[in-house]
Amino acid sequence: MTPQLTTLSKLKDCLAFMKQPDNYLNDTDFTVLKIHELDILTPCHSPTFRPEFYNLTIIVNGSGTCMVGNDTFELRSNHIFISRPDSFLSCRWNNIVKVYNICFSKDFVLEYFPEGIDTIMDSDKSNGFMQSLTKKNMLYFEQICIEIHTILNSTTSYKQELIANLTLNLLYIIQLQLRNRKKQNIRTDKYHPIIIAFRQNLEDNFNSLLAGKNASVLRTKEHAQLLNLNENYLCRLISNATNRTVNDWINDKLIDEINYLLKHSDKSVREIAGMFAFNDMTTFHSYFKSQTLLAPGFIRKEFIMNQFEK
């Protein structure tokens, strides 16, 4: 079953679309949902959104699959899952016994987590991050989710600060587990302000393309101009810090977006090409094959066949 493709991105709009409750802290997008207490019959498939917010899912007991961009994550009990903003996202749940979902916007991160949360993600290319938890940590995560939910629905003073501190505590525990697993220090040069700004501009460009507000995919020259930098300097900084070129970042993002739509939408190949400013189908097919060695139609056909065989 192809999930319904929407044009929604804001937390409030996504929740309203699914007819789910929302809780907000003044003008800051933040909510926590007890998924198992909602009126959801499983198995089920969510619509496809392109959220502007982070999702932290705490799976005490449940199973399913989450598709974020071209990445697929198997959701399992005793695991947490984080997805980034600005990528197509849909979930298929097989069962939901006890699952919590914390959603918070990029503005919330900038205000309360000035160092960001990117060090928690498993890799630069990934749209999400999956991590198992010990029973002790899972119990703690569940208790914090319940506490946040209680605060959200109370008249307690300084709600934002309280909830930000509780959420930051959860993210800190995840970060510690990641560092222990890798047995090494996480590089900090890839979180240079210029690199963070470049990645945000990259995401903004694709969001504008998909909303029909931009006519072309920005390339290295345009990104350097946006940042008021010398083109060679930007290329050198990105390559040294991330081991990937500026064009690698752009092409990977573009192919990731196209692949998702080929697999998880019923839009025609021509429609998908048009969404990314390819007005000529020959050019689109040549570009796609140069990056993947496969034709767009083959990607879609193979995915459908694999789904049918499951």
C-alpha atoms as a PDB file:
ATOM      1  CA  MET A   1       0.000   0.000   0.000  1.00  0.00           C
ATOM      2  CA  THR A   2       1.415   3.410  -0.994  1.00  0.00           C
ATOM      3  CA  PRO A   3       1.203   5.894   1.894  1.00  0.00           C
ATOM      4  CA  GLN A   4      -0.782   9.044   1.205  1.00  0.00           C
ATOM      5  CA  LEU A   5       1.607  11.807   0.137  1.00  0.00           C
ATOM      6  CA  THR A   6       0.892  15.157   1.799  1.00  0.00           C
ATOM      7  CA  THR A   7       2.431  18.613   1.502  1.00  0.00           C
ATOM      8  CA  LEU A   8       2.341  19.181   5.269  1.00  0.00           C
ATOM      9  CA  SER A   9       5.469  19.960   7.273  1.00  0.00           C
ATOM     10  CA  LYS A  10       4.519  21.813  10.451  1.00  0.00           C
ATOM     11  CA  LEU A  11       3.922  19.825  13.608  1.00  0.00           C
ATOM     12  CA  LYS A  12       0.507  21.329  14.316  1.00  0.00           C
ATOM     13  CA  ASP A  13      -0.710  20.653  10.769  1.00  0.00           C
ATOM     14  CA  CYS A  14       0.574  17.063  10.755  1.00  0.00           C
ATOM     15  CA  LEU A  15      -1.175  16.261  14.030  1.00  0.00           C
ATOM     16  CA  ALA A  16      -4.389  17.912  12.871  1.00  0.00           C
ATOM     17  CA  PHE A  17      -4.294  15.912   9.621  1.00  0.00           C
ATOM     18  CA  MET A  18      -4.152  12.686  11.658  1.00  0.00           C
ATOM     19  CA  LYS A  19      -6.832  14.039  14.025  1.00  0.00           C
ATOM     20  CA  GLN A  20      -4.475  13.681  16.989  1.00  0.00           C
ATOM     21  CA  PRO A  21      -4.178  15.959  20.046  1.00  0.00           C
ATOM     22  CA  ASP A  22      -1.546  18.686  20.145  1.00  0.00           C
ATOM     23  CA  ASN A  23       0.166  20.375  23.077  1.00  0.00           C
ATOM     24  CA  TYR A  24       2.213  23.511  22.591  1.00  0.00           C
ATOM     25  CA  LEU A  25       4.450  25.673  24.727  1.00  0.00           C
ATOM     26  CA  ASN A  26       3.505  29.191  23.744  1.00  0.00           C
ATOM     27  CA  ASP A  27       4.818  29.619  20.180  1.00  0.00           C
ATOM     28  CA  THR A  28       7.312  26.744  20.313  1.00  0.00           C
ATOM     29  CA  ASP A  29       6.446  23.512  18.540  1.00  0.00           C
ATOM     30  CA  PHE A  30       6.829  20.660  20.975  1.00  0.00           C
ATOM     31  CA  THR A  31       4.633  17.744  21.892  1.00  0.00           C
ATOM     32  CA  VAL A  32       4.786  14.259  23.352  1.00  0.00           C
ATOM     33  CA  LEU A  33       2.298  11.578  22.326  1.00  0.00           C
ATOM     34  CA  LYS A  34       1.420   8.318  24.022  1.00  0.00           C
ATOM     35  CA  ILE A  35       0.926   6.496  20.735  1.00  0.00           C
ATOM     36  CA  HIS A  36      -0.507   3.407  22.461  1.00  0.00           C
ATOM     37  CA  GLU A  37      -3.325   5.493  23.970  1.00  0.00           C
ATOM     38  CA  LEU A  38      -4.433   6.930  20.632  1.00  0.00           C
ATOM     39  CA  ASP A  39      -7.237   5.429  18.599  1.00  0.00           C
ATOM     40  CA  ILE A  40      -4.966   3.574  16.155  1.00  0.00           C
ATOM     41  CA  LEU A  41      -5.771   0.135  14.775  1.00  0.00           C
ATOM     42  CA  THR A  42      -2.790  -1.942  13.706  1.00  0.00           C
ATOM     43  CA  PRO A  43      -1.420  -2.847  11.274  1.00  0.00           C
ATOM     44  CA  CYS A  44      -1.510   0.698   9.931  1.00  0.00           C
ATOM     45  CA  HIS A  45       0.405   3.035   7.644  1.00  0.00           C
ATOM     46  CA  SER A  46       0.858   6.739   8.330  1.00  0.00           C
ATOM     47  CA  PRO A  47       0.597   9.381   5.609  1.00  0.00           C
ATOM     48  CA  THR A  48       3.838  10.764   4.185  1.00  0.00           C
ATOM     49  CA  PHE A  49       4.930  14.076   5.659  1.00  0.00           C
ATOM     50  CA  ARG A  50       7.998  16.220   5.170  1.00  0.00           C
ATOM     51  CA  PRO A  51       8.355  17.393   8.772  1.00  0.00           C
ATOM     52  CA  GLU A  52      10.163  20.535   9.842  1.00  0.00           C
ATOM     53  CA  PHE A  53      10.721  18.907  13.213  1.00  0.00           C
ATOM     54  CA  TYR A  54      12.716  16.140  14.870  1.00  0.00           C
ATOM     55  CA  ASN A  55      11.009  12.918  15.959  1.00  0.00           C
ATOM     56  CA  LEU A  56      12.216  10.951  18.970  1.00  0.00           C
ATOM     57  CA  THR A  57      10.304   7.670  19.208  1.00  0.00           C
ATOM     58  CA  ILE A  58      10.654   5.526  22.344  1.00  0.00           C
ATOM     59  CA  ILE A  59       9.531   1.973  21.573  1.00  0.00           C
ATOM     60  CA  VAL A  60       8.985   0.166  24.863  1.00  0.00           C
ATOM     61  CA  ASN A  61       6.955  -2.563  23.187  1.00  0.00           C
ATOM     62  CA  GLY A  62       6.030  -2.461  19.525  1.00  0.00           C
ATOM     63  CA  SER A  63       7.230  -3.121  15.998  1.00  0.00           C
ATOM     64  CA  GLY A  64       7.090  -1.560  12.580  1.00  0.00           C
ATOM     65  CA  THR A  65       9.070   0.152   9.851  1.00  0.00           C
ATOM     66  CA  CYS A  66       9.896   3.825   9.338  1.00  0.00           C
ATOM     67  CA  MET A  67      10.920   5.217   5.966  1.00  0.00           C
ATOM     68  CA  VAL A  68      12.846   8.509   6.159  1.00  0.00           C
ATOM     69  CA  GLY A  69      14.068   9.647   2.787  1.00  0.00           C
ATOM     70  CA  ASN A  70      15.646   6.604   1.170  1.00  0.00           C
ATOM     71  CA  ASP A  71      16.557   5.064   4.536  1.00  0.00           C
ATOM     72  CA  THR A  72      14.460   2.291   6.085  1.00  0.00           C
ATOM     73  CA  PHE A  73      14.538   1.572   9.819  1.00  0.00           C
ATOM     74  CA  GLU A  74      13.066  -1.488  11.520  1.00  0.00           C
ATOM     75  CA  LEU A  75      11.307  -0.302  14.684  1.00  0.00           C
ATOM     76  CA  ARG A  76      11.702  -2.775  17.534  1.00  0.00           C
ATOM     77  CA  SER A  77      10.955  -3.046  21.253  1.00  0.00           C
ATOM     78  CA  ASN A  78      13.512  -1.592  23.672  1.00  0.00           C
ATOM     79  CA  HIS A  79      14.796   0.818  21.022  1.00  0.00           C
ATOM     80  CA  ILE A  80      14.713   4.556  20.439  1.00  0.00           C
ATOM     81  CA  PHE A  81      14.575   6.142  17.007  1.00  0.00           C
ATOM     82  CA  ILE A  82      15.398   9.722  15.978  1.00  0.00           C
ATOM     83  CA  SER A  83      14.592  11.176  12.556  1.00  0.00           C
ATOM     84  CA  ARG A  84      15.846  14.441  11.091  1.00  0.00           C
ATOM     85  CA  PRO A  85      13.675  17.237   9.707  1.00  0.00           C
ATOM     86  CA  ASP A  86      13.340  18.008   5.996  1.00  0.00           C
ATOM     87  CA  SER A  87      13.027  14.496   4.567  1.00  0.00           C
ATOM     88  CA  PHE A  88       9.945  12.556   3.498  1.00  0.00           C
ATOM     89  CA  LEU A  89       8.776  10.356   6.366  1.00  0.00           C
ATOM     90  CA  SER A  90       6.175   7.628   6.745  1.00  0.00           C
ATOM     91  CA  CYS A  91       5.735   4.789   9.235  1.00  0.00           C
ATOM     92  CA  ARG A  92       4.117   1.366   9.084  1.00  0.00           C
ATOM     93  CA  TRP A  93       3.221  -0.116  12.472  1.00  0.00           C
ATOM     94  CA  ASN A  94       2.612  -3.842  12.931  1.00  0.00           C
ATOM     95  CA  ASN A  95       1.734  -3.489  16.591  1.00  0.00           C
ATOM     96  CA  ILE A  96       1.783  -0.737  19.208  1.00  0.00           C
ATOM     97  CA  VAL A  97       1.751  -1.948  22.794  1.00  0.00           C
ATOM     98  CA  LYS A  98       3.634   0.923  24.424  1.00  0.00           C
ATOM     99  CA  VAL A  99       5.225   3.633  22.270  1.00  0.00           C
ATOM    100  CA  TYR A 100       5.965   7.304  22.990  1.00  0.00           C
ATOM    101  CA  ASN A 101       6.765  10.005  20.445  1.00  0.00           C
ATOM    102  CA  ILE A 102       8.456  13.332  21.256  1.00  0.00           C
ATOM    103  CA  CYS A 103       8.425  15.945  18.492  1.00  0.00           C
ATOM    104  CA  PHE A 104      10.321  19.226  18.623  1.00  0.00           C
ATOM    105  CA  SER A 105      11.023  21.886  16.025  1.00  0.00           C
ATOM    106  CA  LYS A 106      14.347  23.228  14.764  1.00  0.00           C
ATOM    107  CA  ASP A 107      13.578  26.516  16.522  1.00  0.00           C
ATOM    108  CA  PHE A 108      13.199  24.633  19.790  1.00  0.00           C
ATOM    109  CA  VAL A 109      16.639  23.062  19.219  1.00  0.00           C
ATOM    110  CA  LEU A 110      18.245  26.428  18.454  1.00  0.00           C
ATOM    111  CA  GLU A 111      16.788  28.019  21.565  1.00  0.00           C
ATOM    112  CA  TYR A 112      17.434  25.288  24.107  1.00  0.00           C
ATOM    113  CA  PHE A 113      20.182  23.098  22.591  1.00  0.00           C
ATOM    114  CA  PRO A 114      22.676  25.665  21.227  1.00  0.00           C
ATOM    115  CA  GLU A 115      25.223  22.917  20.519  1.00  0.00           C
ATOM    116  CA  GLY A 116      22.656  21.072  18.401  1.00  0.00           C
ATOM    117  CA  ILE A 117      21.864  17.353  18.394  1.00  0.00           C
ATOM    118  CA  ASP A 118      23.709  16.279  15.245  1.00  0.00           C
ATOM    119  CA  THR A 119      26.419  14.495  17.236  1.00  0.00           C
ATOM    120  CA  ILE A 120      23.736  12.012  18.291  1.00  0.00           C
ATOM    121  CA  MET A 121      22.959  10.959  14.730  1.00  0.00           C
ATOM    122  CA  ASP A 122      24.761   7.829  13.626  1.00  0.00           C
ATOM    123  CA  SER A 123      26.247   9.294  10.448  1.00  0.00           C
ATOM    124  CA  ASP A 124      26.195  12.430   8.320  1.00  0.00           C
ATOM    125  CA  LYS A 125      24.350  10.766   5.462  1.00  0.00           C
ATOM    126  CA  SER A 126      21.665   9.085   7.504  1.00  0.00           C
ATOM    127  CA  ASN A 127      18.206  10.607   7.835  1.00  0.00           C
ATOM    128  CA  GLY A 128      17.723   8.852  11.139  1.00  0.00           C
ATOM    129  CA  PHE A 129      19.369   7.039  14.006  1.00  0.00           C
ATOM    130  CA  MET A 130      18.378   3.834  15.808  1.00  0.00           C
ATOM    131  CA  GLN A 131      19.699   2.743  19.213  1.00  0.00           C
ATOM    132  CA  SER A 132      18.861  -0.077  21.618  1.00  0.00           C
ATOM    133  CA  LEU A 133      18.450   0.761  25.310  1.00  0.00           C
ATOM    134  CA  THR A 134      19.154  -1.192  28.445  1.00  0.00           C
ATOM    135  CA  LYS A 135      16.102  -2.081  30.537  1.00  0.00           C
ATOM    136  CA  LYS A 136      17.195   0.484  33.109  1.00  0.00           C
ATOM    137  CA  ASN A 137      17.510   3.260  30.536  1.00  0.00           C
ATOM    138  CA  MET A 138      14.248   2.306  28.831  1.00  0.00           C
ATOM    139  CA  LEU A 139      12.418   2.531  32.162  1.00  0.00           C
ATOM    140  CA  TYR A 140      14.002   5.932  32.732  1.00  0.00           C
ATOM    141  CA  PHE A 141      13.038   7.136  29.230  1.00  0.00           C
ATOM    142  CA  GLU A 142       9.460   6.030  29.807  1.00  0.00           C
ATOM    143  CA  GLN A 143       9.290   7.846  33.133  1.00  0.00           C
ATOM    144  CA  ILE A 144      10.619  11.043  31.518  1.00  0.00           C
ATOM    145  CA  CYS A 145       8.049  10.793  28.698  1.00  0.00           C
ATOM    146  CA  ILE A 146       5.252  10.507  31.244  1.00  0.00           C
ATOM    147  CA  GLU A 147       6.668  13.450  33.203  1.00  0.00           C
ATOM    148  CA  ILE A 148       6.886  15.616  30.068  1.00  0.00           C
ATOM    149  CA  HIS A 149       3.326  14.670  29.134  1.00  0.00           C
ATOM    150  CA  THR A 150       2.141  15.675  32.613  1.00  0.00           C
ATOM    151  CA  ILE A 151       3.942  19.023  32.473  1.00  0.00           C
ATOM    152  CA  LEU A 152       2.556  19.766  29.009  1.00  0.00           C
ATOM    153  CA  ASN A 153      -0.982  19.358  30.283  1.00  0.00           C
ATOM    154  CA  SER A 154      -0.445  21.347  33.486  1.00  0.00           C
ATOM    155  CA  THR A 155      -0.344  25.033  34.420  1.00  0.00           C
ATOM    156  CA  THR A 156       3.200  24.728  35.760  1.00  0.00           C
ATOM    157  CA  SER A 157       5.372  27.828  35.416  1.00  0.00           C
ATOM    158  CA  TYR A 158       8.437  27.700  33.157  1.00  0.00           C
ATOM    159  CA  LYS A 159       7.077  24.786  31.110  1.00  0.00           C
ATOM    160  CA  GLN A 160       9.487  25.361  28.252  1.00  0.00           C
ATOM    161  CA  GLU A 161      12.570  25.301  30.442  1.00  0.00           C
ATOM    162  CA  LEU A 162      11.444  22.207  32.348  1.00  0.00           C
ATOM    163  CA  ILE A 163      10.629  20.227  29.230  1.00  0.00           C
ATOM    164  CA  ALA A 164      13.787  21.378  27.436  1.00  0.00           C
ATOM    165  CA  ASN A 165      15.903  20.151  30.351  1.00  0.00           C
ATOM    166  CA  LEU A 166      14.154  16.776  30.455  1.00  0.00           C
ATOM    167  CA  THR A 167      14.481  16.299  26.682  1.00  0.00           C
ATOM    168  CA  LEU A 168      18.137  17.363  26.711  1.00  0.00           C
ATOM    169  CA  ASN A 169      18.769  14.770  29.423  1.00  0.00           C
ATOM    170  CA  LEU A 170      17.376  12.019  27.179  1.00  0.00           C
ATOM    171  CA  LEU A 171      19.485  13.162  24.241  1.00  0.00           C
ATOM    172  CA  TYR A 172      22.581  13.259  26.453  1.00  0.00           C
ATOM    173  CA  ILE A 173      22.040   9.623  27.485  1.00  0.00           C
ATOM    174  CA  ILE A 174      21.700   8.624  23.822  1.00  0.00           C
ATOM    175  CA  GLN A 175      24.911  10.481  23.009  1.00  0.00           C
ATOM    176  CA  LEU A 176      26.784   8.708  25.818  1.00  0.00           C
ATOM    177  CA  GLN A 177      25.640   5.304  24.560  1.00  0.00           C
ATOM    178  CA  LEU A 178      26.735   6.202  21.043  1.00  0.00           C
ATOM    179  CA  ARG A 179      30.198   7.241  22.221  1.00  0.00           C
ATOM    180  CA  ASN A 180      30.586   4.108  24.314  1.00  0.00           C
ATOM    181  CA  ARG A 181      29.589   1.979  21.333  1.00  0.00           C
ATOM    182  CA  LYS A 182      32.088   3.630  19.006  1.00  0.00           C
ATOM    183  CA  LYS A 183      34.840   3.700  21.654  1.00  0.00           C
ATOM    184  CA  GLN A 184      36.100   6.975  20.247  1.00  0.00           C
ATOM    185  CA  ASN A 185      35.597  10.700  20.439  1.00  0.00           C
ATOM    186  CA  ILE A 186      33.186  12.174  17.926  1.00  0.00           C
ATOM    187  CA  ARG A 187      34.804  14.635  15.552  1.00  0.00           C
ATOM    188  CA  THR A 188      33.720  18.203  16.149  1.00  0.00           C
ATOM    189  CA  ASP A 189      35.056  19.864  12.986  1.00  0.00           C
ATOM    190  CA  LYS A 190      32.061  18.648  10.973  1.00  0.00           C
ATOM    191  CA  TYR A 191      29.819  20.785  13.211  1.00  0.00           C
ATOM    192  CA  HIS A 192      31.573  24.001  12.201  1.00  0.00           C
ATOM    193  CA  PRO A 193      29.012  26.867  11.899  1.00  0.00           C
ATOM    194  CA  ILE A 194      29.676  27.183   8.148  1.00  0.00           C
ATOM    195  CA  ILE A 195      29.024  23.470   7.605  1.00  0.00           C
ATOM    196  CA  ILE A 196      25.821  23.636   9.641  1.00  0.00           C
ATOM    197  CA  ALA A 197      24.702  26.689   7.632  1.00  0.00           C
ATOM    198  CA  PHE A 198      25.525  24.921   4.352  1.00  0.00           C
ATOM    199  CA  ARG A 199      23.455  21.887   5.335  1.00  0.00           C
ATOM    200  CA  GLN A 200      20.529  24.105   6.343  1.00  0.00           C
ATOM    201  CA  ASN A 201      20.703  25.971   3.024  1.00  0.00           C
ATOM    202  CA  LEU A 202      20.802  22.615   1.235  1.00  0.00           C
ATOM    203  CA  GLU A 203      17.647  21.479   3.041  1.00  0.00           C
ATOM    204  CA  ASP A 204      15.929  24.830   2.464  1.00  0.00           C
ATOM    205  CA  ASN A 205      16.632  24.586  -1.265  1.00  0.00           C
ATOM    206  CA  PHE A 206      15.004  21.155  -1.532  1.00  0.00           C
ATOM    207  CA  ASN A 207      12.058  22.218   0.613  1.00  0.00           C
ATOM    208  CA  SER A 208      11.510  25.163  -1.741  1.00  0.00           C
ATOM    209  CA  LEU A 209      11.793  22.930  -4.804  1.00  0.00           C
ATOM    210  CA  LEU A 210       9.189  20.519  -3.496  1.00  0.00           C
ATOM    211  CA  ALA A 211       6.902  23.392  -2.555  1.00  0.00           C
ATOM    212  CA  GLY A 212       7.227  24.822  -6.065  1.00  0.00           C
ATOM    213  CA  LYS A 213       8.946  27.975  -4.767  1.00  0.00           C
ATOM    214  CA  ASN A 214      12.337  27.443  -6.406  1.00  0.00           C
ATOM    215  CA  ALA A 215      13.271  26.719  -9.999  1.00  0.00           C
ATOM    216  CA  SER A 216      16.593  24.894  -9.673  1.00  0.00           C
ATOM    217  CA  VAL A 217      18.851  22.774  -7.500  1.00  0.00           C
ATOM    218  CA  LEU A 218      21.560  25.018  -6.048  1.00  0.00           C
ATOM    219  CA  ARG A 219      25.088  23.946  -6.876  1.00  0.00           C
ATOM    220  CA  THR A 220      28.477  24.759  -5.329  1.00  0.00           C
ATOM    221  CA  LYS A 221      28.730  28.288  -6.726  1.00  0.00           C
ATOM    222  CA  GLU A 222      25.272  29.280  -5.457  1.00  0.00           C
ATOM    223  CA  HIS A 223      25.909  27.788  -2.011  1.00  0.00           C
ATOM    224  CA  ALA A 224      29.182  29.710  -1.731  1.00  0.00           C
ATOM    225  CA  GLN A 225      27.367  32.915  -2.692  1.00  0.00           C
ATOM    226  CA  LEU A 226      24.668  32.318  -0.075  1.00  0.00           C
ATOM    227  CA  LEU A 227      27.350  31.980   2.584  1.00  0.00           C
ATOM    228  CA  ASN A 228      29.369  34.912   1.182  1.00  0.00           C
ATOM    229  CA  LEU A 229      32.397  32.645   0.816  1.00  0.00           C
ATOM    230  CA  ASN A 230      34.995  31.853  -1.791  1.00  0.00           C
ATOM    231  CA  GLU A 231      33.881  28.748  -3.688  1.00  0.00           C
ATOM    232  CA  ASN A 232      37.222  26.961  -3.282  1.00  0.00           C
ATOM    233  CA  TYR A 233      37.300  27.714   0.436  1.00  0.00           C
ATOM    234  CA  LEU A 234      33.818  26.226   0.929  1.00  0.00           C
ATOM    235  CA  CYS A 235      34.775  23.101  -1.031  1.00  0.00           C
ATOM    236  CA  ARG A 236      37.945  22.626   0.983  1.00  0.00           C
ATOM    237  CA  LEU A 237      36.205  23.146   4.329  1.00  0.00           C
ATOM    238  CA  ILE A 238      33.371  20.701   3.529  1.00  0.00           C
ATOM    239  CA  SER A 239      35.707  18.040   2.105  1.00  0.00           C
ATOM    240  CA  ASN A 240      38.204  18.188   4.978  1.00  0.00           C
ATOM    241  CA  ALA A 241      35.535  18.029   7.669  1.00  0.00           C
ATOM    242  CA  THR A 242      33.118  15.500   6.199  1.00  0.00           C
ATOM    243  CA  ASN A 243      35.180  13.495   3.685  1.00  0.00           C
ATOM    244  CA  ARG A 244      32.545  14.350   1.102  1.00  0.00           C
ATOM    245  CA  THR A 245      32.521  17.100  -1.511  1.00  0.00           C
ATOM    246  CA  VAL A 246      29.842  19.774  -1.810  1.00  0.00           C
ATOM    247  CA  ASN A 247      28.581  18.040  -4.949  1.00  0.00           C
ATOM    248  CA  ASP A 248      28.464  14.725  -3.060  1.00  0.00           C
ATOM    249  CA  TRP A 249      26.151  16.317  -0.491  1.00  0.00           C
ATOM    250  CA  ILE A 250      23.927  17.822  -3.177  1.00  0.00           C
ATOM    251  CA  ASN A 251      23.743  14.703  -5.354  1.00  0.00           C
ATOM    252  CA  ASP A 252      23.150  12.370  -2.400  1.00  0.00           C
ATOM    253  CA  LYS A 253      20.295  14.566  -1.188  1.00  0.00           C
ATOM    254  CA  LEU A 254      18.764  14.774  -4.667  1.00  0.00           C
ATOM    255  CA  ILE A 255      18.933  11.021  -5.276  1.00  0.00           C
ATOM    256  CA  ASP A 256      17.603  10.349  -1.782  1.00  0.00           C
ATOM    257  CA  GLU A 257      14.532  12.510  -2.446  1.00  0.00           C
ATOM    258  CA  ILE A 258      13.901  11.010  -5.899  1.00  0.00           C
ATOM    259  CA  ASN A 259      14.276   7.454  -4.615  1.00  0.00           C
ATOM    260  CA  TYR A 260      11.742   8.013  -1.853  1.00  0.00           C
ATOM    261  CA  LEU A 261       9.128   9.327  -4.260  1.00  0.00           C
ATOM    262  CA  LEU A 262       9.759   6.502  -6.718  1.00  0.00           C
ATOM    263  CA  LYS A 263       9.199   3.933  -3.975  1.00  0.00           C
ATOM    264  CA  HIS A 264       6.599   5.530  -1.744  1.00  0.00           C
ATOM    265  CA  SER A 265       4.406   7.706  -3.954  1.00  0.00           C
ATOM    266  CA  ASP A 266       2.176   7.161  -6.957  1.00  0.00           C
ATOM    267  CA  LYS A 267       3.562  10.183  -8.807  1.00  0.00           C
ATOM    268  CA  SER A 268       4.737   9.469 -12.333  1.00  0.00           C
ATOM    269  CA  VAL A 269       8.441   9.564 -13.170  1.00  0.00           C
ATOM    270  CA  ARG A 270       7.788  12.695 -15.240  1.00  0.00           C
ATOM    271  CA  GLU A 271       6.071  14.394 -12.290  1.00  0.00           C
ATOM    272  CA  ILE A 272       8.959  13.519  -9.988  1.00  0.00           C
ATOM    273  CA  ALA A 273      11.489  14.852 -12.502  1.00  0.00           C
ATOM    274  CA  GLY A 274       9.537  18.108 -12.716  1.00  0.00           C
ATOM    275  CA  MET A 275       9.545  18.517  -8.932  1.00  0.00           C
ATOM    276  CA  PHE A 276      13.335  18.755  -9.052  1.00  0.00           C
ATOM    277  CA  ALA A 277      13.474  21.128 -12.043  1.00  0.00           C
ATOM    278  CA  PHE A 278      14.261  18.491 -14.672  1.00  0.00           C
ATOM    279  CA  ASN A 279      12.285  19.723 -17.655  1.00  0.00           C
ATOM    280  CA  ASP A 280      13.841  17.235 -20.045  1.00  0.00           C
ATOM    281  CA  MET A 281      13.285  13.529 -19.387  1.00  0.00           C
ATOM    282  CA  THR A 282      16.434  12.491 -21.249  1.00  0.00           C
ATOM    283  CA  THR A 283      18.515  14.676 -18.957  1.00  0.00           C
ATOM    284  CA  PHE A 284      16.709  13.297 -15.897  1.00  0.00           C
ATOM    285  CA  HIS A 285      17.262   9.666 -16.879  1.00  0.00           C
ATOM    286  CA  SER A 286      20.913  10.307 -17.744  1.00  0.00           C
ATOM    287  CA  TYR A 287      21.517  12.045 -14.414  1.00  0.00           C
ATOM    288  CA  PHE A 288      19.766   9.363 -12.386  1.00  0.00           C
ATOM    289  CA  LYS A 289      21.656   6.559 -14.128  1.00  0.00           C
ATOM    290  CA  SER A 290      24.977   8.364 -13.641  1.00  0.00           C
ATOM    291  CA  GLN A 291      24.356   8.429  -9.889  1.00  0.00           C
ATOM    292  CA  THR A 292      22.734   5.018  -9.334  1.00  0.00           C
ATOM    293  CA  LEU A 293      23.607   2.967 -12.454  1.00  0.00           C
ATOM    294  CA  LEU A 294      19.894   2.141 -12.662  1.00  0.00           C
ATOM    295  CA  ALA A 295      16.870   3.597 -14.434  1.00  0.00           C
ATOM    296  CA  PRO A 296      14.155   5.322 -12.340  1.00  0.00           C
ATOM    297  CA  GLY A 297      11.515   2.929 -13.668  1.00  0.00           C
ATOM    298  CA  PHE A 298      13.598  -0.076 -12.641  1.00  0.00           C
ATOM    299  CA  ILE A 299      13.917   1.258  -9.076  1.00  0.00           C
ATOM    300  CA  ARG A 300      10.132   1.583  -8.797  1.00  0.00           C
ATOM    301  CA  LYS A 301       9.389  -1.783 -10.406  1.00  0.00           C
ATOM    302  CA  GLU A 302      11.905  -3.654  -8.238  1.00  0.00           C
ATOM    303  CA  PHE A 303      10.580  -2.034  -5.050  1.00  0.00           C
ATOM    304  CA  ILE A 304       6.982  -2.929  -5.886  1.00  0.00           C
ATOM    305  CA  MET A 305       7.957  -6.534  -6.671  1.00  0.00           C
ATOM    306  CA  ASN A 306       9.855  -6.867  -3.377  1.00  0.00           C
ATOM    307  CA  GLN A 307       6.865  -5.500  -1.471  1.00  0.00           C
ATOM    308  CA  PHE A 308       4.545  -7.931  -3.209  1.00  0.00           C
ATOM    309  CA  GLU A 309       6.780 -10.899  -2.318  1.00  0.00           C
ATOM    310  CA  LYS A 310       6.802 -10.068   1.421  1.00  0.00           C
END
